[in-house]
N, C-alpha and C. Protein backbone atom coordinates (compact mmCIF):
# COMPACT_ATOMS: atom_id res chain seq x y z
N MET A 1 -61.41 -171.05 25.96
CA MET A 1 -60.23 -170.26 24.73
C MET A 1 -58.97 -171.21 24.01
N PRO A 2 -58.87 -170.81 23.20
CA PRO A 2 -57.10 -171.16 22.02
C PRO A 2 -55.80 -170.81 23.36
N PRO A 3 -55.27 -171.85 23.42
CA PRO A 3 -53.92 -171.05 23.75
C PRO A 3 -53.26 -170.88 23.32
N ARG A 4 -52.10 -169.72 24.09
CA ARG A 4 -51.71 -168.80 23.41
C ARG A 4 -50.01 -168.63 23.40
N PRO A 5 -49.53 -167.88 22.33
CA PRO A 5 -47.77 -167.77 22.20
C PRO A 5 -47.26 -167.88 23.35
N HIS A 6 -46.77 -168.50 24.23
CA HIS A 6 -45.59 -169.11 25.72
C HIS A 6 -45.57 -167.59 25.87
N ARG A 7 -44.85 -167.14 27.04
CA ARG A 7 -43.97 -166.05 26.67
C ARG A 7 -42.58 -167.08 27.43
N ARG A 8 -42.14 -165.70 27.59
CA ARG A 8 -40.87 -165.79 27.28
C ARG A 8 -39.75 -165.82 28.92
N HIS A 9 -39.27 -166.87 29.31
CA HIS A 9 -38.71 -166.84 30.57
C HIS A 9 -37.51 -167.84 31.07
N ALA A 10 -36.32 -166.32 31.15
CA ALA A 10 -35.47 -166.92 31.38
C ALA A 10 -34.10 -167.37 29.93
N ARG A 11 -35.06 -166.45 29.23
CA ARG A 11 -34.57 -166.27 28.11
C ARG A 11 -33.98 -167.33 26.72
N ALA A 12 -35.26 -168.77 27.45
CA ALA A 12 -35.82 -169.92 27.18
C ALA A 12 -36.74 -169.73 26.46
N ARG A 13 -37.15 -170.48 25.32
CA ARG A 13 -38.86 -170.96 24.42
C ARG A 13 -39.32 -171.74 25.87
N ARG A 14 -40.45 -171.48 25.71
CA ARG A 14 -41.34 -172.39 26.52
C ARG A 14 -42.10 -173.60 25.67
N PRO A 15 -41.69 -174.41 25.45
CA PRO A 15 -42.50 -175.45 24.46
C PRO A 15 -43.85 -175.32 24.72
N LEU A 16 -44.93 -175.51 23.65
CA LEU A 16 -46.45 -175.75 23.90
C LEU A 16 -46.24 -177.75 23.81
N ASP A 17 -46.58 -178.39 25.00
CA ASP A 17 -47.33 -179.33 25.54
C ASP A 17 -47.56 -180.67 23.95
N VAL A 18 -47.79 -181.07 23.35
CA VAL A 18 -48.58 -180.74 22.83
C VAL A 18 -49.35 -182.54 22.56
N LEU A 19 -48.21 -183.32 23.40
CA LEU A 19 -48.61 -185.18 23.14
C LEU A 19 -48.89 -185.34 24.29
N GLY A 20 -49.41 -184.03 25.01
CA GLY A 20 -50.75 -185.31 26.13
C GLY A 20 -52.04 -184.76 26.56
N ALA A 21 -51.89 -184.00 27.14
CA ALA A 21 -53.25 -183.46 27.14
C ALA A 21 -54.44 -182.74 25.61
N ALA A 22 -53.14 -181.81 25.59
CA ALA A 22 -53.59 -180.76 24.99
C ALA A 22 -53.64 -181.70 23.23
N ALA A 23 -52.50 -182.54 23.02
CA ALA A 23 -53.19 -182.89 21.60
C ALA A 23 -54.70 -183.88 21.79
N ALA A 24 -54.73 -184.41 22.79
CA ALA A 24 -55.88 -184.90 22.79
C ALA A 24 -57.20 -184.62 23.46
N ALA A 25 -57.40 -182.88 23.30
CA ALA A 25 -58.26 -181.89 23.12
C ALA A 25 -57.99 -181.42 21.81
N CYS A 26 -57.00 -181.90 21.17
CA CYS A 26 -57.42 -181.64 19.54
C CYS A 26 -56.78 -179.54 19.24
N VAL A 27 -55.36 -179.61 20.37
CA VAL A 27 -55.16 -178.82 20.47
C VAL A 27 -55.07 -177.73 19.42
N LEU A 28 -54.35 -179.33 18.77
CA LEU A 28 -53.37 -178.76 17.78
C LEU A 28 -53.81 -178.95 16.43
N LEU A 29 -54.46 -178.62 15.70
CA LEU A 29 -55.60 -178.53 14.31
C LEU A 29 -54.83 -178.34 13.27
N SER A 30 -55.43 -179.64 11.75
CA SER A 30 -54.81 -179.43 11.08
C SER A 30 -56.58 -178.15 10.34
N THR A 31 -55.77 -177.01 8.65
CA THR A 31 -56.80 -176.70 8.47
C THR A 31 -57.80 -177.37 7.80
N ALA A 32 -57.38 -177.83 6.99
CA ALA A 32 -58.03 -177.98 5.77
C ALA A 32 -59.19 -178.94 5.31
N ALA A 33 -59.40 -179.77 6.54
CA ALA A 33 -60.40 -180.70 7.23
C ALA A 33 -62.10 -179.96 7.39
N PRO A 34 -63.03 -180.23 6.91
CA PRO A 34 -64.38 -179.56 7.56
C PRO A 34 -64.39 -179.71 9.54
N VAL A 35 -63.98 -180.93 9.44
CA VAL A 35 -63.92 -181.30 11.42
C VAL A 35 -62.41 -181.53 11.46
N ALA A 36 -61.25 -180.72 11.31
CA ALA A 36 -59.90 -181.07 11.56
C ALA A 36 -59.96 -181.71 12.77
N SER A 37 -58.50 -182.75 13.01
CA SER A 37 -57.76 -183.79 13.56
C SER A 37 -57.09 -182.81 14.65
N ALA A 38 -56.61 -183.47 15.71
CA ALA A 38 -54.46 -183.04 15.89
C ALA A 38 -54.12 -184.30 15.31
N ALA A 39 -52.78 -183.75 15.21
CA ALA A 39 -51.94 -183.82 14.56
C ALA A 39 -51.46 -185.79 15.15
N PRO A 40 -50.64 -186.51 14.60
CA PRO A 40 -50.55 -187.80 15.25
C PRO A 40 -49.53 -187.53 16.43
N SER A 41 -49.56 -188.11 17.71
CA SER A 41 -48.80 -188.50 18.77
C SER A 41 -47.49 -189.10 18.03
N SER A 42 -47.75 -190.51 17.34
CA SER A 42 -46.76 -191.26 16.63
C SER A 42 -47.29 -191.23 15.33
N ALA A 43 -45.69 -190.81 14.56
CA ALA A 43 -46.01 -190.91 13.21
C ALA A 43 -46.50 -192.93 11.80
N GLY A 44 -47.19 -192.56 11.37
CA GLY A 44 -47.51 -193.65 11.15
C GLY A 44 -47.02 -194.02 9.46
N PRO A 45 -47.39 -195.02 8.22
CA PRO A 45 -47.67 -195.03 7.15
C PRO A 45 -48.95 -194.07 6.86
N LEU A 46 -49.19 -194.08 5.27
CA LEU A 46 -50.17 -193.55 5.29
C LEU A 46 -51.35 -194.01 4.59
N ALA A 47 -51.88 -194.89 4.25
CA ALA A 47 -52.31 -196.66 4.39
C ALA A 47 -54.03 -194.89 3.26
N ALA A 48 -53.42 -195.53 2.14
CA ALA A 48 -54.95 -195.07 0.81
C ALA A 48 -54.25 -193.90 0.46
N ASP A 49 -53.08 -193.08 0.69
CA ASP A 49 -52.56 -191.75 0.61
C ASP A 49 -52.28 -191.73 -0.52
N PRO A 50 -52.04 -191.62 -1.59
CA PRO A 50 -50.86 -191.77 -3.38
C PRO A 50 -49.09 -191.31 -2.47
N SER A 51 -48.10 -191.09 -2.81
CA SER A 51 -47.05 -190.67 -2.50
C SER A 51 -46.27 -189.38 -3.02
N SER A 52 -47.22 -188.53 -3.06
CA SER A 52 -47.08 -187.89 -4.47
C SER A 52 -48.08 -187.40 -4.58
N ASN A 53 -48.61 -186.01 -5.23
CA ASN A 53 -49.94 -185.12 -4.93
C ASN A 53 -49.82 -184.06 -4.12
N TYR A 54 -48.64 -183.64 -3.87
CA TYR A 54 -48.03 -182.34 -3.41
C TYR A 54 -48.87 -181.03 -4.42
N ARG A 55 -49.62 -179.81 -4.06
CA ARG A 55 -49.60 -178.56 -4.45
C ARG A 55 -48.93 -178.05 -3.70
N CYS A 56 -48.25 -177.03 -4.16
CA CYS A 56 -46.83 -176.10 -4.01
C CYS A 56 -47.82 -175.04 -4.54
N ASP A 57 -47.50 -173.96 -2.49
CA ASP A 57 -48.18 -172.04 -3.28
C ASP A 57 -47.68 -171.91 -4.25
N PRO A 58 -48.36 -170.82 -4.52
CA PRO A 58 -47.31 -170.27 -5.42
C PRO A 58 -46.31 -169.27 -5.50
N GLY A 59 -46.68 -168.23 -4.64
CA GLY A 59 -45.24 -167.86 -3.96
C GLY A 59 -43.81 -168.98 -2.96
N LEU A 60 -43.08 -167.74 -2.22
CA LEU A 60 -42.02 -168.80 -1.50
C LEU A 60 -42.54 -167.20 0.06
N TYR A 61 -42.31 -168.23 0.92
CA TYR A 61 -42.58 -167.95 2.23
C TYR A 61 -40.82 -167.86 3.22
N ARG A 62 -41.63 -166.51 4.51
CA ARG A 62 -40.39 -166.92 5.73
C ARG A 62 -41.08 -167.80 6.74
N ILE A 63 -40.41 -168.57 6.84
CA ILE A 63 -40.83 -169.51 8.55
C ILE A 63 -40.40 -168.52 9.46
N ASN A 64 -41.28 -168.40 10.01
CA ASN A 64 -41.13 -167.24 11.19
C ASN A 64 -41.30 -168.54 12.89
N THR A 65 -40.07 -167.67 13.42
CA THR A 65 -40.81 -168.25 14.67
C THR A 65 -41.31 -167.32 15.12
N ALA A 66 -42.09 -167.50 16.21
CA ALA A 66 -43.33 -167.39 16.58
C ALA A 66 -43.33 -166.16 17.61
N ASP A 67 -42.74 -166.50 18.24
CA ASP A 67 -42.65 -165.08 19.48
C ASP A 67 -41.51 -164.56 19.27
N GLU A 68 -40.35 -164.08 18.76
CA GLU A 68 -38.85 -163.70 17.95
C GLU A 68 -39.25 -163.66 16.64
N GLY A 69 -39.93 -164.19 15.58
CA GLY A 69 -39.93 -163.50 15.03
C GLY A 69 -38.89 -163.44 13.53
N ARG A 70 -38.12 -165.10 14.39
CA ARG A 70 -36.67 -165.31 13.42
C ARG A 70 -36.89 -166.11 12.27
N PRO A 71 -36.59 -166.26 11.03
CA PRO A 71 -36.76 -166.64 9.85
C PRO A 71 -36.04 -168.25 10.27
N LEU A 72 -36.97 -169.10 9.52
CA LEU A 72 -36.13 -170.98 9.20
C LEU A 72 -34.81 -170.65 8.56
N THR A 73 -33.76 -170.31 8.37
CA THR A 73 -32.49 -169.78 7.63
C THR A 73 -31.67 -171.30 7.52
N VAL A 74 -31.03 -172.33 6.44
CA VAL A 74 -29.99 -172.73 5.88
C VAL A 74 -28.57 -172.35 5.91
N ALA A 75 -28.20 -172.66 7.21
CA ALA A 75 -26.97 -172.15 6.92
C ALA A 75 -26.00 -172.17 6.13
N LEU A 76 -24.65 -171.54 5.88
CA LEU A 76 -24.66 -171.25 4.75
C LEU A 76 -22.76 -171.76 5.05
N SER A 77 -22.15 -172.07 6.54
CA SER A 77 -20.51 -171.61 7.17
C SER A 77 -20.01 -173.36 6.41
N SER A 78 -19.19 -173.30 6.51
CA SER A 78 -18.44 -174.10 6.54
C SER A 78 -18.87 -176.10 7.39
N GLY A 79 -18.96 -175.45 8.55
CA GLY A 79 -19.07 -175.93 9.59
C GLY A 79 -20.87 -177.04 9.86
N ASN A 80 -21.81 -175.58 9.19
CA ASN A 80 -22.79 -176.75 10.29
C ASN A 80 -24.06 -176.68 8.44
N TYR A 81 -22.78 -176.44 6.89
CA TYR A 81 -23.67 -176.03 5.64
C TYR A 81 -24.76 -176.65 5.28
N GLY A 82 -26.18 -176.04 5.75
CA GLY A 82 -26.69 -177.07 5.03
C GLY A 82 -28.25 -177.46 5.63
N THR A 83 -27.68 -177.41 7.25
CA THR A 83 -28.66 -177.20 8.26
C THR A 83 -29.32 -176.06 8.44
N VAL A 84 -30.59 -176.56 9.64
CA VAL A 84 -32.09 -175.37 9.22
C VAL A 84 -31.40 -174.65 10.35
N LEU A 85 -31.26 -172.78 10.85
CA LEU A 85 -31.18 -172.34 12.08
C LEU A 85 -32.16 -171.37 12.55
N GLN A 86 -32.29 -170.44 13.53
CA GLN A 86 -33.51 -169.41 13.91
C GLN A 86 -32.26 -168.75 13.62
N TYR A 87 -32.67 -167.23 11.95
CA TYR A 87 -31.75 -166.34 12.03
C TYR A 87 -31.82 -165.64 11.60
N PHE A 88 -31.67 -163.95 12.31
CA PHE A 88 -31.64 -162.69 11.51
C PHE A 88 -32.65 -163.08 9.70
N TRP A 89 -33.24 -161.48 9.58
CA TRP A 89 -34.03 -161.77 8.45
C TRP A 89 -32.68 -161.07 7.51
N ASN A 90 -32.12 -161.51 6.00
CA ASN A 90 -32.05 -160.58 5.44
C ASN A 90 -32.14 -160.80 3.95
N ASN A 91 -33.58 -161.44 4.05
CA ASN A 91 -33.62 -161.27 2.72
C ASN A 91 -33.06 -161.75 1.58
N GLU A 92 -32.48 -162.57 2.14
CA GLU A 92 -31.81 -164.36 1.49
C GLU A 92 -32.60 -165.58 0.86
N SER A 93 -31.79 -165.66 -0.30
CA SER A 93 -32.47 -166.83 -1.25
C SER A 93 -32.46 -168.15 0.16
N ASN A 94 -31.73 -167.85 1.17
CA ASN A 94 -32.03 -169.59 1.66
C ASN A 94 -32.88 -169.20 3.56
N GLN A 95 -33.52 -168.18 2.98
CA GLN A 95 -34.20 -168.27 4.02
C GLN A 95 -35.67 -168.34 3.05
N LYS A 96 -35.72 -168.35 2.25
CA LYS A 96 -37.09 -168.41 2.12
C LYS A 96 -37.59 -169.74 1.59
N TRP A 97 -38.95 -170.11 1.37
CA TRP A 97 -39.02 -171.65 1.04
C TRP A 97 -40.64 -171.75 0.23
N ARG A 98 -40.44 -172.95 -0.81
CA ARG A 98 -41.79 -173.35 -1.08
C ARG A 98 -42.27 -174.36 -0.40
N VAL A 99 -43.22 -173.92 0.06
CA VAL A 99 -44.87 -174.54 0.68
C VAL A 99 -45.76 -175.93 -0.29
N CYS A 100 -45.29 -176.53 -0.18
CA CYS A 100 -45.99 -177.94 -1.19
C CYS A 100 -47.39 -179.07 0.30
N ARG A 101 -48.16 -179.06 -0.78
CA ARG A 101 -48.78 -179.73 0.81
C ARG A 101 -50.08 -180.93 0.02
N LYS A 102 -50.17 -181.52 1.02
CA LYS A 102 -50.89 -182.53 0.31
C LYS A 102 -52.09 -182.79 2.47
N GLN A 103 -53.40 -182.75 1.57
CA GLN A 103 -54.33 -182.83 3.00
C GLN A 103 -54.71 -184.69 2.79
N THR A 104 -53.98 -185.72 3.53
CA THR A 104 -54.36 -186.96 3.88
C THR A 104 -55.88 -187.33 4.34
N SER A 105 -55.72 -188.39 2.94
CA SER A 105 -56.97 -189.70 3.42
C SER A 105 -58.01 -188.90 5.33
N ASP A 106 -57.39 -188.93 6.35
CA ASP A 106 -57.83 -188.50 7.68
C ASP A 106 -58.18 -186.82 7.71
N GLY A 107 -58.32 -186.31 6.02
CA GLY A 107 -58.07 -185.19 6.54
C GLY A 107 -57.36 -184.23 7.09
N ARG A 108 -55.26 -184.54 7.79
CA ARG A 108 -54.64 -183.46 8.67
C ARG A 108 -53.46 -183.33 7.33
N THR A 109 -52.62 -182.47 7.07
CA THR A 109 -52.48 -182.11 6.64
C THR A 109 -50.44 -181.92 6.38
N LEU A 110 -50.26 -182.85 5.20
CA LEU A 110 -48.97 -183.53 5.16
C LEU A 110 -48.06 -181.84 3.95
N ALA A 111 -47.00 -181.73 4.92
CA ALA A 111 -46.27 -180.69 3.89
C ALA A 111 -45.10 -181.12 3.43
N TYR A 112 -43.78 -180.72 2.22
CA TYR A 112 -42.58 -180.53 2.53
C TYR A 112 -42.23 -179.03 2.37
N LEU A 113 -41.94 -178.66 2.72
CA LEU A 113 -40.44 -177.19 2.91
C LEU A 113 -39.16 -176.92 2.14
N GLN A 114 -38.97 -176.61 0.39
CA GLN A 114 -37.81 -176.50 0.10
C GLN A 114 -37.79 -175.23 0.40
N ASP A 115 -35.91 -175.26 0.54
CA ASP A 115 -35.43 -174.11 0.42
C ASP A 115 -35.56 -172.99 -1.65
N ALA A 116 -35.31 -171.91 -1.08
CA ALA A 116 -35.55 -170.96 -2.43
C ALA A 116 -33.74 -170.95 -2.90
N MET A 117 -32.88 -171.33 -2.28
CA MET A 117 -31.30 -170.96 -2.27
C MET A 117 -31.18 -172.60 -3.33
N ARG A 118 -31.56 -173.51 -3.10
CA ARG A 118 -30.82 -174.71 -4.03
C ARG A 118 -32.01 -175.49 -3.74
N ARG A 119 -33.05 -175.34 -3.58
CA ARG A 119 -34.31 -175.76 -3.91
C ARG A 119 -34.09 -177.35 -3.58
N TRP A 120 -33.16 -177.05 -2.74
CA TRP A 120 -33.78 -178.68 -1.16
C TRP A 120 -34.68 -178.89 0.12
N CYS A 121 -34.68 -179.62 0.32
CA CYS A 121 -35.88 -179.97 1.34
C CYS A 121 -35.50 -179.82 2.72
N MET A 122 -36.30 -179.70 3.68
CA MET A 122 -35.93 -179.63 5.51
C MET A 122 -36.47 -181.25 5.71
N ALA A 123 -35.15 -181.46 6.45
CA ALA A 123 -34.97 -182.75 6.08
C ALA A 123 -34.63 -183.03 8.13
N VAL A 124 -35.18 -184.35 8.92
CA VAL A 124 -34.43 -184.43 9.90
C VAL A 124 -33.51 -185.13 9.26
N ASP A 125 -31.92 -184.68 9.87
CA ASP A 125 -31.40 -186.09 9.49
C ASP A 125 -30.60 -186.89 9.61
N HIS A 126 -30.78 -188.00 8.12
CA HIS A 126 -30.14 -189.17 9.00
C HIS A 126 -31.08 -190.01 9.33
N TRP A 127 -32.76 -189.97 9.11
CA TRP A 127 -33.43 -190.14 9.21
C TRP A 127 -33.47 -190.19 11.60
N GLY A 128 -32.83 -189.84 11.86
CA GLY A 128 -32.68 -189.74 13.03
C GLY A 128 -34.73 -189.35 13.88
N GLN A 129 -34.42 -190.58 15.22
CA GLN A 129 -35.46 -190.99 15.90
C GLN A 129 -35.40 -190.10 17.14
N GLU A 130 -34.13 -189.43 17.91
CA GLU A 130 -33.63 -189.44 19.53
C GLU A 130 -33.98 -187.09 19.09
N ASN A 131 -33.92 -187.06 19.85
CA ASN A 131 -34.16 -185.14 20.38
C ASN A 131 -33.11 -185.53 20.50
N GLY A 132 -32.78 -184.09 19.45
CA GLY A 132 -31.56 -183.56 19.22
C GLY A 132 -31.18 -183.63 18.02
N ALA A 133 -31.90 -184.85 17.13
CA ALA A 133 -31.03 -185.06 15.19
C ALA A 133 -31.54 -183.45 15.40
N LEU A 134 -30.86 -183.28 13.71
CA LEU A 134 -30.57 -182.04 13.48
C LEU A 134 -31.77 -181.47 12.46
N ILE A 135 -31.95 -180.42 11.87
CA ILE A 135 -33.36 -180.31 11.42
C ILE A 135 -32.38 -179.61 10.05
N THR A 136 -32.10 -179.85 8.43
CA THR A 136 -30.85 -179.68 7.75
C THR A 136 -31.68 -180.41 6.38
N THR A 137 -31.01 -179.56 5.59
CA THR A 137 -31.66 -180.01 4.34
C THR A 137 -31.26 -180.95 3.42
N TYR A 138 -31.88 -182.10 2.37
CA TYR A 138 -31.69 -182.47 1.35
C TYR A 138 -31.68 -182.53 -0.52
N GLY A 139 -31.34 -183.35 -1.34
CA GLY A 139 -32.00 -182.67 -2.25
C GLY A 139 -32.96 -183.19 -2.20
N CYS A 140 -34.95 -183.07 -2.75
CA CYS A 140 -35.46 -183.91 -3.34
C CYS A 140 -36.42 -184.05 -3.91
N ILE A 141 -36.94 -184.70 -4.31
CA ILE A 141 -38.38 -184.19 -5.94
C ILE A 141 -39.68 -184.79 -5.40
N ASP A 142 -40.73 -184.03 -5.42
CA ASP A 142 -41.86 -184.72 -5.31
C ASP A 142 -42.17 -185.99 -5.70
N GLU A 143 -42.29 -186.61 -6.86
CA GLU A 143 -43.07 -187.78 -6.78
C GLU A 143 -42.41 -188.45 -6.44
N ASP A 144 -41.30 -189.31 -4.55
CA ASP A 144 -42.00 -189.57 -3.79
C ASP A 144 -40.93 -188.43 -2.71
N VAL A 145 -41.42 -188.34 -1.89
CA VAL A 145 -40.87 -187.51 -0.53
C VAL A 145 -40.68 -188.86 0.41
N PRO A 146 -39.22 -188.84 1.49
CA PRO A 146 -39.78 -189.85 2.47
C PRO A 146 -40.52 -189.45 3.27
N ALA A 147 -40.24 -189.73 4.03
CA ALA A 147 -41.29 -189.41 5.19
C ALA A 147 -39.94 -188.25 6.61
N ASN A 148 -38.44 -188.82 6.21
CA ASN A 148 -37.88 -187.96 7.17
C ASN A 148 -38.20 -186.63 6.59
N GLN A 149 -38.68 -186.17 5.41
CA GLN A 149 -38.37 -185.07 4.80
C GLN A 149 -40.21 -183.97 4.72
N SER A 150 -40.63 -184.96 5.50
CA SER A 150 -42.18 -184.84 5.67
C SER A 150 -42.38 -184.47 6.95
N PHE A 151 -43.78 -183.16 6.40
CA PHE A 151 -43.65 -183.09 7.58
C PHE A 151 -44.97 -182.43 7.96
N TRP A 152 -45.69 -183.35 9.39
CA TRP A 152 -47.35 -183.07 9.53
C TRP A 152 -47.20 -180.75 10.50
N MET A 153 -48.71 -180.82 9.52
CA MET A 153 -48.34 -179.47 9.75
C MET A 153 -50.06 -179.38 10.74
N ALA A 154 -49.57 -179.02 11.90
CA ALA A 154 -50.46 -178.92 13.13
C ALA A 154 -50.75 -177.20 13.48
N TYR A 155 -52.04 -176.87 13.52
CA TYR A 155 -52.71 -175.38 13.87
C TYR A 155 -53.50 -175.52 14.98
N VAL A 156 -52.67 -173.65 15.73
CA VAL A 156 -52.87 -173.71 17.18
C VAL A 156 -54.70 -173.35 17.22
N HIS A 157 -55.60 -173.97 17.25
CA HIS A 157 -57.51 -173.32 16.94
C HIS A 157 -57.08 -171.36 17.08
N GLY A 158 -57.56 -171.60 15.82
CA GLY A 158 -58.34 -169.59 16.22
C GLY A 158 -56.93 -169.03 15.19
N SER A 159 -56.24 -169.81 14.84
CA SER A 159 -54.60 -168.76 14.65
C SER A 159 -54.13 -169.80 13.49
N THR A 160 -52.83 -168.52 13.09
CA THR A 160 -51.96 -168.78 12.31
C THR A 160 -50.40 -169.21 12.14
N LEU A 161 -51.16 -169.95 13.65
CA LEU A 161 -50.01 -170.70 14.26
C LEU A 161 -49.45 -171.78 14.27
N PHE A 162 -48.69 -172.57 13.44
CA PHE A 162 -48.11 -174.00 13.34
C PHE A 162 -47.45 -174.89 14.40
N ALA A 163 -47.41 -176.06 14.50
CA ALA A 163 -46.29 -176.65 14.67
C ALA A 163 -45.75 -177.32 13.83
N LEU A 164 -44.42 -178.38 13.31
CA LEU A 164 -43.51 -178.83 12.39
C LEU A 164 -43.69 -179.97 12.54
N GLN A 165 -43.67 -181.53 12.91
CA GLN A 165 -44.06 -182.19 13.43
C GLN A 165 -43.49 -184.09 13.04
N ALA A 166 -42.38 -184.55 12.06
CA ALA A 166 -41.39 -185.10 11.38
C ALA A 166 -42.59 -186.17 11.27
N GLN A 167 -42.78 -186.70 10.15
CA GLN A 167 -43.78 -188.13 10.15
C GLN A 167 -43.35 -189.10 10.71
N HIS A 168 -41.68 -189.13 10.31
CA HIS A 168 -40.54 -190.43 10.14
C HIS A 168 -40.12 -190.88 11.95
N SER A 169 -40.64 -189.76 13.08
CA SER A 169 -40.68 -190.32 13.97
C SER A 169 -40.92 -189.01 15.02
N GLY A 170 -42.91 -188.61 14.45
CA GLY A 170 -43.18 -188.20 15.21
C GLY A 170 -42.83 -187.30 16.72
N LYS A 171 -41.95 -187.26 15.82
CA LYS A 171 -40.85 -185.54 17.05
C LYS A 171 -40.86 -184.30 16.88
N TRP A 172 -41.16 -183.08 16.78
CA TRP A 172 -41.66 -181.97 16.86
C TRP A 172 -40.61 -180.72 16.41
N VAL A 173 -40.20 -179.97 15.33
CA VAL A 173 -39.25 -178.70 15.01
C VAL A 173 -39.40 -177.81 16.26
N ALA A 174 -37.39 -178.06 16.57
CA ALA A 174 -37.47 -176.69 17.88
C ALA A 174 -36.68 -176.27 17.76
N ALA A 175 -35.85 -174.83 18.24
CA ALA A 175 -34.25 -175.03 18.21
C ALA A 175 -33.74 -175.52 19.67
N ALA A 176 -33.12 -175.94 19.49
CA ALA A 176 -32.12 -176.41 20.37
C ALA A 176 -32.06 -175.85 21.62
N ASN A 177 -32.28 -176.55 22.45
CA ASN A 177 -33.67 -176.25 24.60
C ASN A 177 -34.74 -175.00 23.99
N HIS A 178 -35.28 -175.37 22.78
CA HIS A 178 -35.82 -174.49 22.95
C HIS A 178 -35.12 -172.81 22.92
N SER A 179 -34.51 -172.78 22.87
CA SER A 179 -34.05 -170.97 22.63
C SER A 179 -34.29 -170.00 21.63
N ASP A 180 -34.27 -168.78 22.45
CA ASP A 180 -34.54 -167.13 21.38
C ASP A 180 -33.67 -166.98 21.33
N LYS A 181 -32.74 -167.38 20.90
CA LYS A 181 -31.50 -167.04 20.74
C LYS A 181 -31.89 -166.07 19.45
N ASP A 182 -30.76 -165.10 18.94
CA ASP A 182 -30.79 -164.96 17.72
C ASP A 182 -30.69 -166.13 16.66
N ILE A 183 -29.51 -166.90 16.88
CA ILE A 183 -29.05 -167.41 16.78
C ILE A 183 -28.97 -169.21 16.98
N ASP A 184 -29.83 -169.82 16.04
CA ASP A 184 -29.49 -171.40 16.59
C ASP A 184 -29.32 -172.28 16.39
N GLN A 185 -29.17 -173.92 16.62
CA GLN A 185 -29.87 -174.41 15.90
C GLN A 185 -30.85 -175.38 15.48
N MET A 186 -31.06 -176.14 14.74
CA MET A 186 -32.68 -175.95 15.03
C MET A 186 -33.09 -177.86 14.78
N VAL A 187 -33.61 -178.51 15.93
CA VAL A 187 -33.33 -179.80 15.68
C VAL A 187 -35.02 -180.58 16.06
N GLN A 188 -35.37 -181.83 16.50
CA GLN A 188 -36.61 -182.75 16.51
C GLN A 188 -36.21 -182.64 17.92
N ASP A 189 -37.56 -182.12 19.16
CA ASP A 189 -37.85 -182.87 19.86
C ASP A 189 -38.76 -182.77 20.37
N VAL A 190 -39.75 -183.97 21.56
CA VAL A 190 -40.72 -184.57 21.62
C VAL A 190 -41.86 -183.05 22.20
N LYS A 191 -40.38 -182.12 21.89
CA LYS A 191 -42.46 -180.55 22.24
C LYS A 191 -41.62 -179.63 21.04
N PRO A 192 -43.04 -178.83 20.92
CA PRO A 192 -42.28 -178.25 19.71
C PRO A 192 -42.39 -176.49 19.74
N ASP A 193 -41.93 -176.36 18.77
CA ASP A 193 -41.93 -174.54 18.50
C ASP A 193 -43.25 -174.14 17.40
N LEU A 194 -44.12 -172.90 18.42
CA LEU A 194 -44.44 -172.98 16.82
C LEU A 194 -43.97 -171.74 15.85
N PHE A 195 -44.42 -171.44 14.08
CA PHE A 195 -44.28 -170.72 13.51
C PHE A 195 -45.59 -170.75 13.58
N HIS A 196 -44.53 -169.56 11.90
CA HIS A 196 -45.86 -168.95 11.25
C HIS A 196 -45.59 -168.71 9.83
N LEU A 197 -46.74 -168.66 8.99
CA LEU A 197 -45.71 -168.32 7.83
C LEU A 197 -45.10 -166.99 6.67
N VAL A 198 -45.59 -165.78 6.22
CA VAL A 198 -44.59 -164.57 5.51
C VAL A 198 -44.57 -165.14 4.71
N ALA A 199 -45.42 -164.06 3.64
CA ALA A 199 -45.01 -164.18 2.23
C ALA A 199 -44.35 -163.14 1.85
N VAL A 200 -43.67 -163.42 1.03
CA VAL A 200 -42.21 -162.23 0.38
C VAL A 200 -42.46 -162.41 -0.43
């Protein structure tokens, strides 16, 4: 049976471990290919793929956390301005995202995610490789999307839930310590949190 969203224990999100046996069994799947393949356990260059050719969905989305439905939100306070949080839904432009995707030559889906407020893209701060590197937003253009602003969309089989894997580091987008708090910072980690898109 396909995996189900994990239950909460002690108010901590139990991350779905897709880098071990689950990844080998293709638990996280890309949606676009006839025979989908798992997201890579480590990121690498896109052989024979153009740098662009992304197609952007026509509308905007909330990117909700799977369990609590907290939308990914661009922070506006001076202390963490531009970083990405999970937050309450307020129907603001800093909580809405444009999703642009392409299917790579091996059938996986690569995406960049652009906030509706400034049209900046979700990114791993300073090309960080370490666990805990902040998820933030940087200016971006479709013609040359850098690898720290590109994310593999790895879907759970038979579900609309997906994880986001940074192309440059091979690590996953998650709340800090996989928290289910109403407000918390998003970081990269060896284990993913799950998300789903809601049209707005």
